[in-house]
């Protein structure tokens, strides 16, 4: 007994043809469906990452603005200690480490190596007063530094 397709009844041949056509149609639909779902998922992922990145940037900017406001407020507290302003006397110098620096004063008080105001500031606010590098002084000094807990 041979199983040649020529001997099959027409209904069996049509059923086989319909099965192959349906499998091909489902395969093509699955291919395009998977491709479409992949594209939509990729677009949604990119949109979500973009939103998360924007939120992170916004949070960082808010934190930066908060820090700047605190710095300005604490700077006002620190400068209130020096109502007479500042003066720099290049003719008179103080040795700081190995470097001669001009005398910095506020009113009649010489500020070079005088840590009273920064220490008072640190005690009042819990902050640390730091003098930045100045082009005119050519030195930089941290006036109050505490070890980390």
N, C-alpha and C. Protein backbone atom coordinates (compact mmCIF):
# COMPACT_ATOMS: atom_id res chain seq x y z
N UNK A 1 0.84 -1.16 0.00
CA UNK A 1 0.00 0.00 0.00
C UNK A 1 0.89 1.24 0.00
N UNK A 2 0.73 2.08 -0.99
CA UNK A 2 1.52 3.30 -1.11
C UNK A 2 0.70 4.47 -0.61
N UNK A 3 1.42 5.43 -0.04
CA UNK A 3 0.75 6.62 0.51
C UNK A 3 0.99 7.81 -0.40
N UNK A 4 0.85 7.65 -1.65
CA UNK A 4 1.04 8.73 -2.60
C UNK A 4 -0.14 9.69 -2.51
N UNK A 5 0.15 10.98 -2.67
CA UNK A 5 -0.90 11.99 -2.58
C UNK A 5 -1.90 11.85 -3.74
N UNK A 6 -1.47 11.24 -4.79
CA UNK A 6 -2.36 11.10 -5.94
C UNK A 6 -3.55 10.20 -5.59
N UNK A 7 -3.36 9.30 -4.65
CA UNK A 7 -4.43 8.38 -4.29
C UNK A 7 -5.32 8.94 -3.18
N UNK A 8 -4.98 10.09 -2.63
CA UNK A 8 -5.77 10.67 -1.53
C UNK A 8 -7.09 11.22 -2.06
N UNK A 9 -8.07 11.15 -1.22
CA UNK A 9 -9.34 11.77 -1.63
C UNK A 9 -9.16 13.30 -1.70
N UNK A 10 -9.99 13.95 -2.44
CA UNK A 10 -9.90 15.39 -2.65
C UNK A 10 -10.08 16.15 -1.33
N UNK A 11 -10.90 15.66 -0.41
CA UNK A 11 -11.13 16.34 0.88
C UNK A 11 -9.82 16.36 1.68
N UNK A 12 -9.08 15.26 1.67
CA UNK A 12 -7.81 15.21 2.40
C UNK A 12 -6.81 16.17 1.77
N UNK A 13 -6.77 16.24 0.48
CA UNK A 13 -5.86 17.16 -0.21
C UNK A 13 -6.20 18.61 0.11
N UNK A 14 -7.50 18.94 0.10
CA UNK A 14 -7.93 20.29 0.42
C UNK A 14 -7.62 20.63 1.88
N UNK A 15 -7.84 19.67 2.78
CA UNK A 15 -7.53 19.89 4.20
C UNK A 15 -6.03 20.16 4.39
N UNK A 16 -5.18 19.41 3.71
CA UNK A 16 -3.74 19.60 3.79
C UNK A 16 -3.36 20.97 3.23
N UNK A 17 -3.95 21.35 2.13
CA UNK A 17 -3.69 22.66 1.52
C UNK A 17 -4.13 23.78 2.46
N UNK A 18 -5.32 23.65 3.07
CA UNK A 18 -5.81 24.65 4.01
C UNK A 18 -4.91 24.73 5.26
N UNK A 19 -4.43 23.57 5.72
CA UNK A 19 -3.54 23.54 6.88
C UNK A 19 -2.25 24.28 6.57
N UNK A 20 -1.67 24.01 5.41
CA UNK A 20 -0.44 24.69 5.03
C UNK A 20 -0.66 26.20 4.84
N UNK A 21 -1.77 26.58 4.22
CA UNK A 21 -2.08 28.00 4.01
C UNK A 21 -2.30 28.70 5.35
N UNK A 22 -3.02 28.05 6.28
CA UNK A 22 -3.28 28.64 7.59
C UNK A 22 -1.97 28.78 8.38
N UNK A 23 -1.12 27.74 8.32
CA UNK A 23 0.17 27.81 9.03
C UNK A 23 1.02 28.93 8.46
N UNK A 24 1.04 29.07 7.14
CA UNK A 24 1.80 30.15 6.51
C UNK A 24 1.23 31.52 6.90
N UNK A 25 -0.09 31.65 6.88
CA UNK A 25 -0.74 32.92 7.25
C UNK A 25 -0.44 33.25 8.71
N UNK A 26 -0.58 32.28 9.61
CA UNK A 26 -0.28 32.52 11.02
C UNK A 26 1.19 32.86 11.23
N UNK A 27 2.07 32.21 10.51
CA UNK A 27 3.50 32.51 10.61
C UNK A 27 3.81 33.93 10.18
N UNK A 28 3.21 34.35 9.05
CA UNK A 28 3.43 35.72 8.57
C UNK A 28 2.84 36.73 9.55
N UNK A 29 1.63 36.45 10.06
CA UNK A 29 1.02 37.36 11.04
C UNK A 29 1.86 37.42 12.32
N UNK A 30 2.35 36.28 12.78
CA UNK A 30 3.19 36.26 13.99
C UNK A 30 4.46 37.07 13.78
N UNK A 31 5.07 36.93 12.61
CA UNK A 31 6.29 37.69 12.31
C UNK A 31 6.02 39.18 12.39
N UNK A 32 4.97 39.66 11.71
CA UNK A 32 4.68 41.08 11.72
C UNK A 32 4.20 41.57 13.09
N UNK A 33 3.47 40.73 13.83
CA UNK A 33 3.01 41.08 15.16
C UNK A 33 4.21 41.23 16.11
N UNK A 34 5.13 40.28 16.05
CA UNK A 34 6.32 40.34 16.90
C UNK A 34 7.15 41.57 16.55
N UNK A 35 7.29 41.85 15.27
CA UNK A 35 8.04 43.02 14.84
C UNK A 35 7.39 44.31 15.33
N UNK A 36 6.06 44.39 15.23
CA UNK A 36 5.33 45.58 15.69
C UNK A 36 5.43 45.73 17.21
N UNK A 37 5.24 44.65 17.95
CA UNK A 37 5.32 44.70 19.41
C UNK A 37 6.74 45.11 19.83
N UNK A 38 7.74 44.59 19.16
CA UNK A 38 9.13 44.95 19.46
C UNK A 38 9.36 46.44 19.25
N UNK A 39 8.86 46.98 18.16
CA UNK A 39 9.03 48.40 17.85
C UNK A 39 8.30 49.26 18.88
N UNK A 40 7.06 48.89 19.24
CA UNK A 40 6.30 49.67 20.22
C UNK A 40 6.98 49.60 21.58
N UNK A 41 7.45 48.42 21.96
CA UNK A 41 8.14 48.26 23.25
C UNK A 41 9.40 49.10 23.29
N UNK A 42 10.14 49.11 22.20
CA UNK A 42 11.37 49.92 22.13
C UNK A 42 11.04 51.39 22.26
N UNK A 43 10.02 51.88 21.57
CA UNK A 43 9.62 53.29 21.64
C UNK A 43 9.16 53.65 23.06
N UNK A 44 8.37 52.78 23.68
CA UNK A 44 7.90 53.04 25.04
C UNK A 44 9.08 53.05 26.02
N UNK A 45 10.04 52.15 25.82
CA UNK A 45 11.21 52.10 26.69
C UNK A 45 12.03 53.38 26.56
N UNK A 46 12.23 53.84 25.35
CA UNK A 46 12.98 55.07 25.13
C UNK A 46 12.24 56.26 25.75
N UNK A 47 10.91 56.31 25.59
CA UNK A 47 10.12 57.39 26.20
C UNK A 47 10.23 57.35 27.72
N UNK A 48 10.16 56.15 28.28
CA UNK A 48 10.24 56.02 29.74
C UNK A 48 11.63 56.43 30.24
N UNK A 49 12.69 56.00 29.55
CA UNK A 49 14.05 56.39 29.94
C UNK A 49 14.24 57.91 29.81
N UNK A 50 13.65 58.50 28.79
CA UNK A 50 13.73 59.95 28.61
C UNK A 50 13.05 60.67 29.77
N UNK A 51 11.85 60.19 30.17
CA UNK A 51 11.15 60.80 31.30
C UNK A 51 11.95 60.64 32.60
N UNK A 52 12.52 59.46 32.82
CA UNK A 52 13.31 59.21 34.03
C UNK A 52 14.55 60.11 34.04
N UNK A 53 15.20 60.24 32.89
CA UNK A 53 16.38 61.12 32.80
C UNK A 53 16.00 62.57 33.07
N UNK A 54 14.88 63.02 32.53
CA UNK A 54 14.43 64.39 32.76
C UNK A 54 14.11 64.60 34.23
N UNK A 55 13.46 63.62 34.87
CA UNK A 55 13.16 63.75 36.30
C UNK A 55 14.45 63.81 37.12
N UNK A 56 15.44 63.01 36.74
CA UNK A 56 16.72 63.04 37.46
C UNK A 56 17.39 64.40 37.30
N UNK A 57 17.37 64.94 36.10
CA UNK A 57 17.95 66.26 35.86
C UNK A 57 17.20 67.32 36.66
N UNK A 58 15.87 67.25 36.67
CA UNK A 58 15.07 68.21 37.43
C UNK A 58 15.37 68.12 38.93
N UNK A 59 15.50 66.89 39.45
CA UNK A 59 15.82 66.72 40.87
C UNK A 59 17.20 67.29 41.18
N UNK A 60 18.16 67.04 40.30
CA UNK A 60 19.51 67.57 40.50
C UNK A 60 19.50 69.10 40.47
N UNK A 61 18.74 69.68 39.54
CA UNK A 61 18.63 71.14 39.47
C UNK A 61 17.98 71.71 40.73
N UNK A 62 16.94 71.04 41.23
CA UNK A 62 16.29 71.51 42.46
C UNK A 62 17.26 71.44 43.63
N UNK A 63 18.04 70.37 43.70
CA UNK A 63 19.03 70.23 44.77
C UNK A 63 20.09 71.33 44.65
N UNK A 64 20.51 71.60 43.42
CA UNK A 64 21.51 72.66 43.18
C UNK A 64 20.97 74.01 43.64
N UNK A 65 19.72 74.32 43.28
CA UNK A 65 19.12 75.60 43.70
C UNK A 65 19.03 75.69 45.22
N UNK A 66 18.69 74.56 45.85
CA UNK A 66 18.60 74.52 47.31
C UNK A 66 19.97 74.77 47.94
N UNK A 67 21.00 74.13 47.39
CA UNK A 67 22.36 74.33 47.91
C UNK A 67 22.81 75.78 47.72
N UNK A 68 22.51 76.35 46.56
CA UNK A 68 22.90 77.73 46.31
C UNK A 68 22.20 78.68 47.27
N UNK A 69 20.92 78.43 47.55
CA UNK A 69 20.19 79.27 48.51
C UNK A 69 20.81 79.14 49.90
N UNK A 70 21.16 77.93 50.30
CA UNK A 70 21.80 77.73 51.61
C UNK A 70 23.17 78.41 51.67
N UNK A 71 23.93 78.30 50.58
CA UNK A 71 25.24 78.94 50.53
C UNK A 71 25.10 80.45 50.67
N UNK A 72 24.15 81.02 49.96
CA UNK A 72 23.94 82.47 50.03
C UNK A 72 23.50 82.89 51.43
N UNK A 73 22.61 82.11 52.04
CA UNK A 73 22.14 82.42 53.39
C UNK A 73 23.29 82.32 54.39
N UNK A 74 24.05 81.22 54.33
CA UNK A 74 25.17 81.05 55.26
C UNK A 74 26.30 82.05 54.98
N UNK A 75 26.48 82.41 53.72
CA UNK A 75 27.46 83.43 53.38
C UNK A 75 27.10 84.77 54.01
N UNK A 76 25.79 85.08 54.02
CA UNK A 76 25.33 86.30 54.68
C UNK A 76 25.59 86.26 56.18
N UNK A 77 25.39 85.08 56.78
CA UNK A 77 25.67 84.93 58.22
C UNK A 77 27.16 85.15 58.48
N UNK A 78 28.01 84.56 57.63
CA UNK A 78 29.45 84.68 57.84
C UNK A 78 29.95 86.10 57.63
N UNK A 79 29.48 86.74 56.57
CA UNK A 79 29.96 88.11 56.29
C UNK A 79 29.42 89.12 57.29
N UNK A 80 28.34 88.80 58.00
CA UNK A 80 27.83 89.70 59.04
C UNK A 80 28.84 89.86 60.16
N UNK A 81 29.78 88.93 60.29
CA UNK A 81 30.84 89.02 61.30
C UNK A 81 31.81 90.17 60.98
N UNK A 82 31.84 90.61 59.74
CA UNK A 82 32.83 91.60 59.30
C UNK A 82 32.12 92.86 58.80
N UNK A 83 31.51 93.58 59.71
CA UNK A 83 30.73 94.78 59.34
C UNK A 83 31.62 95.89 58.78
N UNK A 84 32.89 95.89 59.15
CA UNK A 84 33.80 96.95 58.69
C UNK A 84 34.37 96.68 57.30
N UNK A 85 33.97 95.60 56.67
CA UNK A 85 34.50 95.26 55.35
C UNK A 85 35.89 94.66 55.45
N UNK A 86 36.55 94.55 54.33
CA UNK A 86 37.86 93.92 54.28
C UNK A 86 38.88 94.88 53.69
N UNK A 87 40.11 94.73 54.15
CA UNK A 87 41.19 95.50 53.59
C UNK A 87 42.39 94.60 53.37
N UNK A 88 43.15 94.88 52.32
CA UNK A 88 44.33 94.09 51.99
C UNK A 88 45.53 95.03 51.94
N UNK A 89 46.50 94.77 52.78
CA UNK A 89 47.69 95.61 52.86
C UNK A 89 48.87 94.84 52.26
N UNK A 90 49.22 95.18 51.02
CA UNK A 90 50.30 94.48 50.34
C UNK A 90 51.66 94.86 50.91
N UNK A 91 51.76 96.00 51.61
CA UNK A 91 53.02 96.43 52.20
C UNK A 91 53.38 95.65 53.45
N UNK A 92 52.40 95.06 54.08
CA UNK A 92 52.63 94.27 55.29
C UNK A 92 52.28 92.83 54.97
N UNK A 93 53.11 91.88 55.38
CA UNK A 93 52.84 90.48 55.03
C UNK A 93 52.89 89.59 56.27
N UNK A 94 52.24 88.44 56.14
CA UNK A 94 52.19 87.42 57.18
C UNK A 94 52.68 86.14 56.55
N UNK A 95 53.50 85.39 57.26
CA UNK A 95 54.00 84.12 56.75
C UNK A 95 52.97 83.03 57.04
N UNK A 96 52.43 82.44 55.99
CA UNK A 96 51.50 81.32 56.13
C UNK A 96 52.17 80.13 55.48
N UNK A 97 52.51 79.16 56.32
CA UNK A 97 53.29 78.04 55.83
C UNK A 97 54.65 78.56 55.41
N UNK A 98 54.99 78.39 54.15
CA UNK A 98 56.26 78.89 53.63
C UNK A 98 56.08 80.09 52.72
N UNK A 99 54.87 80.63 52.69
CA UNK A 99 54.59 81.70 51.74
C UNK A 99 54.20 82.99 52.45
N UNK A 100 54.79 84.09 52.01
CA UNK A 100 54.41 85.40 52.53
C UNK A 100 53.14 85.84 51.83
N UNK A 101 52.17 86.29 52.63
CA UNK A 101 50.91 86.75 52.07
C UNK A 101 50.61 88.14 52.60
N UNK A 102 49.92 88.97 51.81
CA UNK A 102 49.55 90.30 52.29
C UNK A 102 48.65 90.19 53.52
N UNK A 103 48.64 91.22 54.33
CA UNK A 103 47.82 91.23 55.54
C UNK A 103 46.37 91.53 55.16
N UNK A 104 45.48 90.64 55.58
CA UNK A 104 44.05 90.80 55.36
C UNK A 104 43.44 91.25 56.68
N UNK A 105 42.66 92.32 56.62
CA UNK A 105 42.08 92.84 57.87
C UNK A 105 40.63 93.22 57.67
N UNK A 106 39.93 93.28 58.79
CA UNK A 106 38.57 93.79 58.84
C UNK A 106 38.53 94.78 59.99
N UNK A 107 38.39 96.05 59.65
CA UNK A 107 38.49 97.08 60.69
C UNK A 107 39.92 97.10 61.21
N UNK A 108 40.07 96.95 62.52
CA UNK A 108 41.40 96.94 63.13
C UNK A 108 41.91 95.51 63.35
N UNK A 109 41.11 94.51 63.05
CA UNK A 109 41.48 93.11 63.30
C UNK A 109 42.20 92.51 62.11
N UNK A 110 43.35 91.91 62.35
CA UNK A 110 44.07 91.18 61.31
C UNK A 110 43.45 89.78 61.23
N UNK A 111 43.11 89.36 60.03
CA UNK A 111 42.40 88.08 59.85
C UNK A 111 43.33 86.93 59.50
N UNK A 112 44.53 87.21 59.03
CA UNK A 112 45.46 86.12 58.69
C UNK A 112 45.69 85.27 59.93
N UNK A 113 45.50 83.98 59.81
CA UNK A 113 45.72 82.99 60.88
C UNK A 113 44.84 83.24 62.11
N UNK A 114 43.80 84.04 61.98
CA UNK A 114 42.85 84.28 63.08
C UNK A 114 41.59 83.47 62.77
N UNK A 115 41.35 82.43 63.53
CA UNK A 115 40.26 81.51 63.24
C UNK A 115 39.03 81.74 64.11
N UNK A 116 38.98 82.86 64.81
CA UNK A 116 37.87 83.13 65.73
C UNK A 116 36.53 83.19 64.99
N UNK A 117 36.45 84.01 63.94
CA UNK A 117 35.19 84.16 63.20
C UNK A 117 34.78 82.86 62.51
N UNK A 118 35.68 82.16 61.82
CA UNK A 118 35.27 80.89 61.21
C UNK A 118 34.84 79.85 62.25
N UNK A 119 35.54 79.82 63.40
CA UNK A 119 35.16 78.86 64.43
C UNK A 119 33.79 79.20 65.02
N UNK A 120 33.52 80.48 65.20
CA UNK A 120 32.21 80.92 65.70
C UNK A 120 31.13 80.57 64.68
N UNK A 121 31.42 80.78 63.41
CA UNK A 121 30.49 80.43 62.33
C UNK A 121 30.19 78.93 62.35
N UNK A 122 31.24 78.13 62.48
CA UNK A 122 31.06 76.67 62.50
C UNK A 122 30.23 76.25 63.71
N UNK A 123 30.43 76.90 64.84
CA UNK A 123 29.68 76.56 66.05
C UNK A 123 28.21 76.97 65.90
N UNK A 124 27.95 78.13 65.30
CA UNK A 124 26.57 78.61 65.14
C UNK A 124 25.78 77.81 64.12
N UNK A 125 26.42 77.47 63.02
CA UNK A 125 25.68 76.89 61.89
C UNK A 125 25.97 75.43 61.64
N UNK A 126 27.04 74.92 62.20
CA UNK A 126 27.45 73.55 61.87
C UNK A 126 28.13 73.49 60.52
N UNK A 127 28.30 74.66 59.88
CA UNK A 127 28.94 74.73 58.57
C UNK A 127 30.43 74.88 58.70
N UNK A 128 31.09 74.90 57.57
CA UNK A 128 32.54 75.07 57.51
C UNK A 128 32.83 76.27 56.64
N UNK A 129 33.63 77.20 57.15
CA UNK A 129 34.00 78.38 56.38
C UNK A 129 35.27 78.09 55.62
N UNK A 130 35.27 78.31 54.32
CA UNK A 130 36.44 78.04 53.48
C UNK A 130 36.73 79.28 52.65
N UNK A 131 37.98 79.70 52.65
CA UNK A 131 38.40 80.82 51.80
C UNK A 131 38.87 80.24 50.48
N UNK A 132 38.39 80.81 49.38
CA UNK A 132 38.78 80.32 48.06
C UNK A 132 40.14 80.88 47.67
N UNK A 133 40.71 80.26 46.67
CA UNK A 133 41.96 80.77 46.11
C UNK A 133 41.69 82.13 45.49
N UNK A 134 42.54 83.07 45.78
CA UNK A 134 42.37 84.43 45.29
C UNK A 134 43.55 84.79 44.40
N UNK A 135 43.29 85.41 43.28
CA UNK A 135 44.37 85.79 42.37
C UNK A 135 45.28 86.84 43.03
N UNK A 136 44.69 87.70 43.88
CA UNK A 136 45.51 88.73 44.50
C UNK A 136 46.35 88.15 45.65
N UNK A 137 45.86 87.12 46.34
CA UNK A 137 46.60 86.55 47.45
C UNK A 137 47.53 85.42 47.01
N UNK A 138 47.19 84.76 45.93
CA UNK A 138 47.93 83.63 45.40
C UNK A 138 48.08 82.49 46.42
N UNK A 139 47.13 82.39 47.32
CA UNK A 139 47.12 81.30 48.29
C UNK A 139 45.69 80.82 48.46
N UNK A 140 45.53 79.67 49.03
CA UNK A 140 44.20 79.20 49.39
C UNK A 140 44.29 78.62 50.80
N UNK A 141 43.25 78.79 51.56
CA UNK A 141 43.30 78.29 52.94
C UNK A 141 41.91 77.86 53.37
N UNK A 142 41.84 76.71 54.02
CA UNK A 142 40.61 76.29 54.67
C UNK A 142 40.71 76.75 56.11
N UNK A 143 39.75 77.52 56.57
CA UNK A 143 39.87 78.12 57.89
C UNK A 143 39.36 77.21 58.99
N UNK A 144 38.37 76.40 58.72
CA UNK A 144 37.84 75.50 59.73
C UNK A 144 37.55 74.17 59.07
N UNK A 145 38.18 73.14 59.51
CA UNK A 145 37.93 71.81 58.95
C UNK A 145 37.80 70.83 60.10
N UNK A 146 36.80 69.97 59.97
CA UNK A 146 36.57 68.98 61.02
C UNK A 146 36.65 67.59 60.41
N UNK A 147 37.13 66.61 61.15
CA UNK A 147 37.17 65.26 60.61
C UNK A 147 35.76 64.70 60.47
N UNK A 148 35.59 63.79 59.53
CA UNK A 148 34.30 63.15 59.34
C UNK A 148 33.99 62.25 60.51
N UNK A 149 32.71 62.15 60.90
CA UNK A 149 32.36 61.28 62.03
C UNK A 149 32.55 59.82 61.69
